[in-house]
Protein backbone atom coordinates (compact mmCIF):
# COMPACT_ATOMS: atom_id res chain seq x y z
CA MET A 1 -51.49 -48.59 135.90
CA ASP A 2 -53.37 -45.00 135.40
CA ALA A 3 -51.67 -44.37 138.80
CA GLN A 4 -48.67 -45.33 137.72
CA THR A 5 -48.42 -43.75 135.03
CA ARG A 6 -49.55 -40.68 136.65
CA GLU A 7 -46.44 -41.04 138.54
CA ARG A 8 -44.08 -41.30 135.96
CA GLY A 9 -45.44 -38.78 134.09
CA PRO A 10 -43.86 -35.61 135.52
CA SER A 11 -40.51 -37.33 135.93
CA ALA A 12 -40.04 -38.00 132.40
CA GLU A 13 -40.77 -34.54 131.40
CA GLN A 14 -38.53 -32.62 133.88
CA PRO A 15 -34.88 -33.46 131.94
CA GLN A 16 -36.56 -32.94 128.70
CA ARG A 17 -37.83 -29.78 129.87
CA ALA A 18 -34.31 -28.64 131.86
CA ASN A 19 -32.82 -29.45 128.29
CA GLU A 20 -34.45 -26.87 126.78
CA ALA A 21 -33.19 -23.03 126.98
CA PRO A 22 -35.24 -20.65 128.56
CA ARG A 23 -37.90 -18.33 126.24
CA THR A 24 -37.80 -14.53 126.92
CA ASN A 25 -40.87 -12.16 126.00
CA PRO A 26 -39.57 -9.28 123.84
CA ARG A 27 -42.17 -7.02 125.94
CA THR A 28 -40.21 -8.23 129.41
CA ASP A 29 -36.51 -8.83 127.66
CA PRO A 30 -35.31 -5.23 127.36
CA ASP A 31 -32.19 -5.48 125.27
CA GLN A 32 -33.89 -8.07 122.59
CA ALA A 33 -36.67 -5.04 122.29
CA ARG A 34 -34.23 -2.60 121.79
CA ASP A 35 -32.32 -4.77 118.67
CA VAL A 36 -36.36 -4.80 117.37
CA LYS A 37 -36.60 -1.74 117.41
CA ASP A 38 -32.95 -0.57 115.91
CA GLN A 39 -34.29 -2.88 112.70
CA SER A 40 -37.21 -1.19 112.16
CA ASP A 41 -35.62 1.95 112.69
CA LYS A 42 -33.27 1.46 109.66
CA PRO A 43 -34.08 3.14 105.82
CA VAL A 44 -34.57 1.20 103.21
CA PRO A 45 -31.36 1.59 100.56
CA SER A 46 -32.07 3.07 96.83
CA LEU A 47 -31.48 2.69 94.21
CA ARG A 48 -28.01 4.87 94.06
CA ASP A 49 -27.09 3.56 97.18
CA ARG A 50 -27.29 -0.24 95.71
CA PHE A 51 -25.11 1.59 92.40
CA ARG A 52 -22.89 2.48 94.71
CA GLU A 53 -22.64 -0.78 96.18
CA HIS A 54 -22.37 -2.91 92.84
CA TRP A 55 -20.86 -0.21 90.83
CA LEU A 56 -18.21 -2.49 89.37
CA LEU A 57 -21.00 -5.02 88.29
CA ALA A 58 -23.14 -2.38 86.87
CA THR A 59 -20.11 -0.79 85.04
CA VAL A 60 -19.21 -3.71 83.01
CA GLY A 61 -22.44 -4.56 82.35
CA ALA A 62 -23.54 -1.09 80.37
CA ILE A 63 -19.90 -1.54 78.46
CA ALA A 64 -21.07 -5.16 77.32
CA LEU A 65 -24.28 -3.04 76.44
CA ILE A 66 -22.68 -0.18 74.57
CA ALA A 67 -20.28 -2.29 73.05
CA ALA A 68 -23.42 -5.01 71.52
CA LEU A 69 -25.04 -1.70 70.18
CA VAL A 70 -21.74 -0.41 68.31
CA GLY A 71 -20.98 -3.74 67.04
CA GLY A 72 -24.36 -4.03 65.71
CA LEU A 73 -24.84 -0.80 64.18
CA LEU A 74 -21.19 -1.61 62.91
CA TYR A 75 -22.38 -4.81 61.32
CA TRP A 76 -25.13 -3.16 59.60
CA LEU A 77 -23.53 -0.47 58.47
CA GLU A 78 -20.35 -2.08 57.15
CA VAL A 79 -19.69 -5.60 57.82
CA ARG A 80 -22.76 -6.92 56.57
CA HIS A 81 -21.51 -5.18 53.05
CA TYR A 82 -18.53 -7.25 53.16
CA GLU A 83 -17.66 -10.88 51.79
CA ALA A 84 -14.33 -11.89 53.65
CA THR A 85 -12.05 -14.70 53.68
CA ASP A 86 -8.61 -15.76 55.38
CA ASP A 87 -8.24 -18.70 52.60
CA ALA A 88 -6.25 -16.18 50.02
CA PHE A 89 -3.10 -16.50 48.92
CA VAL A 90 -0.69 -14.21 46.47
CA ALA A 91 -0.35 -16.14 43.21
CA ALA A 92 1.85 -15.32 40.13
CA ARG A 93 3.08 -17.31 36.96
CA SER A 94 7.11 -18.06 38.44
CA PHE A 95 8.71 -20.12 35.97
CA SER A 96 12.43 -21.55 35.93
CA VAL A 97 14.97 -20.34 33.59
CA ALA A 98 17.24 -22.71 32.16
CA SER A 99 19.83 -22.41 29.99
CA LYS A 100 19.28 -23.20 25.46
CA VAL A 101 22.86 -24.44 25.34
CA GLY A 102 25.28 -26.16 27.21
CA GLY A 103 28.87 -25.30 28.32
CA TYR A 104 30.75 -23.73 31.59
CA VAL A 105 29.36 -21.31 32.88
CA THR A 106 31.23 -18.51 33.37
CA ASP A 107 29.60 -15.09 34.86
CA VAL A 108 26.48 -14.98 37.20
CA PRO A 109 25.78 -11.76 37.81
CA ILE A 110 23.01 -11.66 40.01
CA THR A 111 22.37 -12.59 43.52
CA ASP A 112 19.26 -14.52 45.47
CA ASN A 113 16.37 -12.69 46.18
CA GLN A 114 17.64 -9.47 43.49
CA HIS A 115 14.83 -7.82 41.47
CA VAL A 116 15.72 -7.29 37.61
CA ASN A 117 14.83 -5.73 34.16
CA ALA A 118 13.76 -6.90 31.36
CA GLY A 119 16.79 -7.71 29.35
CA ASP A 120 19.10 -7.83 32.41
CA LEU A 121 22.14 -10.71 31.98
CA LEU A 122 21.14 -13.02 34.90
CA ALA A 123 23.83 -15.45 33.22
CA ARG A 124 26.65 -16.10 30.42
CA ILE A 125 27.53 -19.74 29.32
CA ASP A 126 31.35 -20.16 27.71
CA ALA A 127 30.49 -19.06 24.15
CA ARG A 128 34.02 -19.86 22.57
CA ASP A 129 32.85 -22.97 21.26
CA TYR A 130 30.07 -20.93 19.82
CA ARG A 131 31.81 -18.77 18.00
CA ILE A 132 33.68 -21.16 16.05
CA ALA A 133 31.19 -22.61 14.90
CA VAL A 134 29.71 -19.11 14.06
CA ASP A 135 32.98 -18.61 11.62
CA GLN A 136 32.32 -22.35 10.24
CA ALA A 137 28.83 -21.20 9.03
CA ALA A 138 29.67 -18.51 7.54
CA ALA A 139 32.47 -20.21 5.58
CA GLN A 140 30.43 -22.74 4.39
CA VAL A 141 27.87 -19.82 3.48
CA GLU A 142 31.28 -18.72 1.43
CA VAL A 143 31.91 -22.27 -0.38
CA SER A 144 28.31 -22.69 -1.75
CA LYS A 145 28.22 -18.56 -2.91
CA ALA A 146 31.02 -19.58 -4.12
CA ASN A 147 29.65 -22.94 -6.01
CA ILE A 148 27.10 -21.06 -7.73
CA ALA A 149 29.20 -18.96 -9.09
CA ASN A 150 31.35 -21.96 -10.73
CA VAL A 151 27.83 -23.59 -11.88
CA GLU A 152 26.35 -20.28 -13.08
CA ALA A 153 29.53 -19.63 -15.44
CA GLN A 154 30.09 -23.23 -16.67
CA ILE A 155 25.85 -22.43 -17.46
CA VAL A 156 27.45 -19.29 -19.61
CA SER A 157 29.56 -21.70 -21.63
CA GLN A 158 27.04 -24.12 -22.13
CA GLU A 159 25.21 -21.81 -23.80
CA GLU A 160 28.46 -20.47 -26.01
CA GLN A 161 29.21 -24.58 -27.05
CA ILE A 162 24.61 -23.94 -28.11
CA LYS A 163 25.29 -21.26 -30.09
CA GLN A 164 28.27 -22.81 -31.42
CA ALA A 165 26.67 -25.92 -32.11
CA GLN A 166 23.32 -24.55 -33.97
CA ALA A 167 26.02 -22.15 -35.74
CA GLN A 168 27.83 -25.38 -36.60
CA LEU A 169 24.20 -27.47 -37.29
CA GLU A 170 23.33 -24.73 -39.71
CA GLN A 171 26.39 -24.70 -41.72
CA ALA A 172 25.66 -29.04 -42.31
CA GLN A 173 22.27 -28.04 -43.09
CA ALA A 174 23.70 -25.12 -46.07
CA GLN A 175 25.66 -27.48 -47.04
CA LEU A 176 23.61 -31.00 -47.31
CA GLN A 177 21.36 -28.59 -49.60
CA PHE A 178 24.10 -28.38 -51.55
CA SER A 179 24.97 -31.39 -52.02
CA GLN A 180 21.57 -32.13 -52.52
CA GLU A 181 20.54 -29.70 -55.45
CA GLU A 182 24.35 -30.74 -57.16
CA SER A 183 23.59 -35.01 -56.66
CA ALA A 184 19.74 -33.84 -58.24
CA ARG A 185 21.68 -32.25 -60.87
CA ALA A 186 24.20 -35.36 -61.84
CA GLN A 187 21.47 -37.44 -61.70
CA ASP A 188 19.55 -34.96 -64.10
CA LEU A 189 22.53 -34.77 -66.59
CA VAL A 190 23.39 -38.69 -66.74
CA GLU A 191 19.40 -39.15 -67.85
CA LYS A 192 20.11 -36.84 -70.52
CA GLY A 193 23.34 -38.19 -71.26
CA ALA A 194 25.11 -34.79 -70.42
CA GLY A 195 26.92 -35.97 -67.69
CA THR A 196 28.65 -39.09 -66.03
CA VAL A 197 28.25 -41.88 -64.15
CA GLN A 198 31.48 -40.92 -62.03
CA ARG A 199 30.16 -37.44 -61.52
CA GLN A 200 27.18 -38.65 -60.53
CA GLN A 201 28.34 -41.07 -58.01
CA GLN A 202 30.64 -38.67 -56.81
CA THR A 203 27.38 -36.50 -55.82
CA ARG A 204 25.69 -38.94 -54.29
CA SER A 205 28.64 -39.43 -52.09
CA ASP A 206 28.90 -35.90 -50.68
CA LEU A 207 25.48 -36.15 -50.29
CA GLN A 208 25.69 -39.09 -47.30
CA ALA A 209 28.66 -37.29 -45.85
CA GLN A 210 26.95 -33.79 -45.56
CA GLN A 211 23.86 -36.00 -44.01
CA ALA A 212 25.99 -37.81 -41.80
CA ASN A 213 27.67 -33.87 -40.71
CA THR A 214 23.85 -32.74 -39.98
CA GLU A 215 22.90 -35.56 -37.57
CA ARG A 216 26.00 -34.91 -35.94
CA ALA A 217 25.46 -31.44 -35.64
CA ARG A 218 21.99 -31.67 -34.59
CA THR A 219 23.25 -34.64 -32.17
CA ALA A 220 25.63 -31.48 -30.71
CA VAL A 221 23.00 -29.23 -30.29
CA THR A 222 20.90 -31.41 -28.40
CA ALA A 223 23.39 -33.01 -26.31
CA ALA A 224 24.88 -28.92 -25.11
CA GLN A 225 20.70 -28.10 -24.37
CA LEU A 226 21.09 -31.51 -22.03
CA GLY A 227 24.30 -30.51 -20.40
CA ILE A 228 23.42 -26.61 -19.71
CA LYS A 229 19.44 -28.44 -18.45
CA SER A 230 22.16 -30.21 -15.68
CA LEU A 231 23.69 -27.54 -15.01
CA GLN A 232 20.71 -25.34 -13.82
CA ALA A 233 19.97 -28.28 -12.23
CA GLN A 234 23.57 -27.65 -10.20
CA LEU A 235 22.85 -24.28 -9.98
CA GLU A 236 19.26 -25.07 -8.27
CA GLY A 237 21.43 -27.68 -5.32
CA ALA A 238 23.65 -25.00 -5.30
CA LYS A 239 21.52 -22.46 -4.28
CA ALA A 240 19.39 -25.32 -2.11
CA GLN A 241 23.16 -26.05 -0.32
CA LEU A 242 23.58 -21.70 0.12
CA GLY A 243 19.74 -22.07 1.58
CA GLN A 244 21.00 -24.45 4.50
CA SER A 245 24.46 -22.58 4.71
CA GLN A 246 22.81 -19.02 5.79
CA ALA A 247 20.31 -21.38 7.65
CA GLN A 248 23.14 -23.08 9.68
CA LEU A 249 24.74 -19.70 10.48
CA GLU A 250 21.43 -18.14 11.30
CA GLN A 251 21.21 -21.37 13.65
CA ALA A 252 25.20 -20.74 15.31
CA LYS A 253 24.31 -16.80 15.30
CA LEU A 254 21.38 -17.90 17.63
CA ASN A 255 23.31 -20.63 19.67
CA LEU A 256 26.43 -17.84 20.03
CA GLN A 257 23.27 -15.35 21.67
CA TYR A 258 21.61 -17.99 23.75
CA THR A 259 25.05 -18.26 25.58
CA SER A 260 23.73 -15.03 27.35
CA VAL A 261 20.76 -16.04 29.53
CA VAL A 262 18.60 -12.69 29.92
CA ALA A 263 15.51 -11.85 32.19
CA ALA A 264 12.91 -11.90 30.00
CA GLN A 265 10.00 -9.96 32.22
CA SER A 266 10.91 -7.48 35.33
CA GLY A 267 10.76 -9.67 38.38
CA ARG A 268 12.75 -11.00 41.08
CA VAL A 269 15.37 -14.67 41.29
CA VAL A 270 15.00 -17.06 43.53
CA LYS A 271 16.05 -20.50 44.08
CA LEU A 272 19.40 -19.80 42.09
CA SER A 273 21.09 -23.12 41.68
CA GLY A 274 23.52 -21.65 38.83
CA ALA A 275 27.20 -20.55 40.10
CA LYS A 276 30.15 -19.81 38.02
CA GLY A 277 32.54 -22.85 37.14
CA THR A 278 29.17 -25.33 36.98
CA PHE A 279 28.69 -27.12 33.23
CA VAL A 280 25.00 -27.30 32.28
CA THR A 281 23.02 -29.16 29.56
CA ALA A 282 20.38 -27.52 27.44
CA GLY A 283 17.31 -27.11 29.46
CA GLN A 284 18.93 -26.83 32.88
CA SER A 285 17.28 -24.77 35.22
CA LEU A 286 19.30 -22.42 36.55
CA MET A 287 16.99 -20.50 38.55
CA MET A 288 13.38 -20.14 39.42
CA PHE A 289 12.06 -15.93 38.67
CA VAL A 290 9.11 -14.57 39.92
CA PRO A 291 7.24 -12.05 37.25
CA ASP A 292 6.37 -8.66 38.64
CA GLU A 293 2.83 -8.95 37.71
CA VAL A 294 1.25 -11.01 41.11
CA TRP A 295 -2.36 -11.29 42.38
CA ILE A 296 -4.07 -12.70 44.58
CA VAL A 297 -6.36 -15.71 44.92
CA ALA A 298 -8.82 -16.14 47.04
CA ASN A 299 -10.92 -19.25 48.36
CA TYR A 300 -14.30 -18.15 48.77
CA LYS A 301 -16.78 -20.35 49.99
CA GLU A 302 -20.01 -21.17 47.60
CA THR A 303 -21.89 -19.13 50.20
CA GLN A 304 -20.30 -15.84 49.72
CA LEU A 305 -20.83 -16.27 45.86
CA ASN A 306 -23.82 -14.70 45.73
CA ASP A 307 -23.55 -11.39 45.15
CA MET A 308 -19.89 -11.40 44.08
CA ARG A 309 -18.96 -9.73 40.52
CA PRO A 310 -16.16 -8.82 38.60
CA GLY A 311 -15.45 -5.00 39.29
CA GLN A 312 -16.24 -5.04 42.52
CA PRO A 313 -13.74 -3.12 45.04
CA VAL A 314 -11.39 -5.56 47.69
CA GLU A 315 -9.86 -4.13 50.40
CA ILE A 316 -6.72 -6.56 51.83
CA ARG A 317 -4.57 -6.99 54.53
CA ILE A 318 -1.12 -9.05 54.04
CA ASP A 319 -0.62 -11.33 57.35
CA ALA A 320 3.66 -10.30 56.72
CA TYR A 321 2.52 -6.52 56.93
CA PRO A 322 -0.42 -6.13 59.10
CA GLY A 323 -0.04 -1.94 59.03
CA ARG A 324 -0.62 -2.21 55.89
CA LYS A 325 -4.09 -1.86 53.70
CA LEU A 326 -4.36 -2.48 50.24
CA THR A 327 -6.83 -1.53 47.48
CA GLY A 328 -8.06 -3.81 44.54
CA HIS A 329 -10.96 -5.51 42.36
CA VAL A 330 -12.31 -8.85 42.13
CA ASP A 331 -10.77 -9.35 37.92
CA SER A 332 -12.66 -13.07 37.66
CA VAL A 333 -14.49 -16.29 39.56
CA GLN A 334 -13.42 -19.09 38.48
CA PRO A 335 -16.31 -21.37 36.75
CA GLY A 336 -15.94 -24.25 39.15
CA SER A 337 -14.77 -25.16 42.18
CA GLY A 338 -10.94 -25.59 43.14
CA THR A 339 -11.50 -29.23 44.00
CA ALA A 340 -12.66 -29.88 40.33
CA PHE A 341 -9.61 -28.75 38.65
CA SER A 342 -7.13 -31.08 41.01
CA LEU A 343 -5.08 -33.77 40.31
CA LEU A 344 -7.35 -36.29 41.94
CA PRO A 345 -10.57 -34.69 41.69
CA ALA A 346 -13.51 -35.84 44.26
CA GLU A 347 -15.57 -38.48 43.56
CA ASN A 348 -19.17 -37.89 45.10
CA ALA A 349 -20.99 -41.00 43.51
CA THR A 350 -20.00 -43.37 46.25
CA GLY A 351 -22.33 -44.96 48.56
CA ASN A 352 -21.46 -42.49 51.60
CA TYR A 353 -21.45 -38.83 50.74
CA VAL A 354 -21.19 -36.00 53.40
CA LYS A 355 -21.83 -32.30 51.90
CA VAL A 356 -18.74 -29.85 52.38
CA VAL A 357 -19.21 -26.54 51.44
CA GLN A 358 -17.09 -26.29 48.72
CA ARG A 359 -14.40 -23.39 47.62
CA VAL A 360 -14.13 -21.36 44.84
CA PRO A 361 -11.00 -19.45 43.48
CA VAL A 362 -11.58 -15.76 43.30
CA LYS A 363 -8.92 -13.61 41.03
CA ILE A 364 -8.16 -10.27 42.57
CA VAL A 365 -6.25 -8.02 40.55
CA VAL A 366 -4.01 -5.23 43.53
CA ASP A 367 -4.23 -1.64 41.86
CA ASN A 368 -1.22 -0.50 43.30
CA TRP A 369 1.62 -2.86 44.86
CA PRO A 370 3.64 -0.56 46.70
CA ALA A 371 7.41 -0.74 46.04
CA ASP A 372 8.50 -0.99 49.14
CA LEU A 373 6.84 -4.67 49.92
CA PRO A 374 8.40 -7.94 48.57
CA VAL A 375 5.41 -9.12 47.75
CA GLY A 376 5.52 -13.65 46.56
CA PRO A 377 3.73 -16.38 46.17
CA GLY A 378 2.10 -18.18 48.67
CA MET A 379 2.27 -15.43 51.11
CA SER A 380 -1.35 -14.99 53.33
CA VAL A 381 -3.79 -12.01 53.13
CA VAL A 382 -7.46 -11.55 53.82
CA PRO A 383 -9.58 -9.70 50.86
CA TRP A 384 -12.72 -7.82 52.39
CA THR A 385 -15.06 -7.92 48.37
CA ARG A 386 -17.43 -5.26 48.76
CA VAL A 387 -20.59 -7.22 47.63
CA ARG A 388 -22.91 -5.08 48.59
């Protein structure tokens, strides 16, 4: 068995040795010895040589490092002193311009987006009917004045009648006193037997007649006095009618004045809907008006308000005019978040609550709006408020 193995061993190893590459000795192979010598003689590259090989990567790294240092320095010196937000817009108390009276529009001397000053004509309503109303009211005032004059004349006449009635009463009272004295004398003479019964009866009849005359005169005086009181009441009514007529005249004049729709303040006309020849009713909108007084509402996060106070300076950039920078100041901070005063405020008393940073409107007033920049409500701005 061992003899067979020894005999097979050399023959089995011969193919494997044939497949192996011939080994060379650098000491005996001159080419390999030369390569080893060249590698050992090659110098090690320096830092400068390595920089030359990777100069682009080194330059980019240096620029990035410098930019990081400059950015950190700028943040420390400037940016950290400001609070900014891009949730800011121009705001104004824009309103609708309407006619106080109805009628046909006869003139609209303005156009869309035109700037007007306070008192400038915006639209004109047909005023013919209102001029007629003024004339009618003025005529009614004159009628009321005439009624007053008539009643006053009647009062004067009634006062004269009172005087006449009082004079007649005084005369009747004097005759009554005379008749009383005559009747007393006739009665005394009859009792003494010096007078006749006929004379006594005559004086008694005269006395009764004078008493009746006196009562009629007194009644006439009372009636005249009541008449003057009635006339005085009519005079008060006529004066009240005059006041009413004068008020109607003033209202008619106001309505005539309202036919000219003028600007209440300086601003711009937008969304012009009134046109010549259209019929409008009282209160119907003719246009929208944006006053010159505009400001900025910046919705800052509630975490940005710790150091924000009224009067702090603000730098403003308008998205529509990126090359312009404006200055202003904080006017006021709303005492509450924007959602708290919305039409449907958020209800947080629920089972599922996710805390969200709220935004608080801050009113910013621009120190001086440039006249060459048309700025209106809703335009986006970016304010930088210096708070530190």
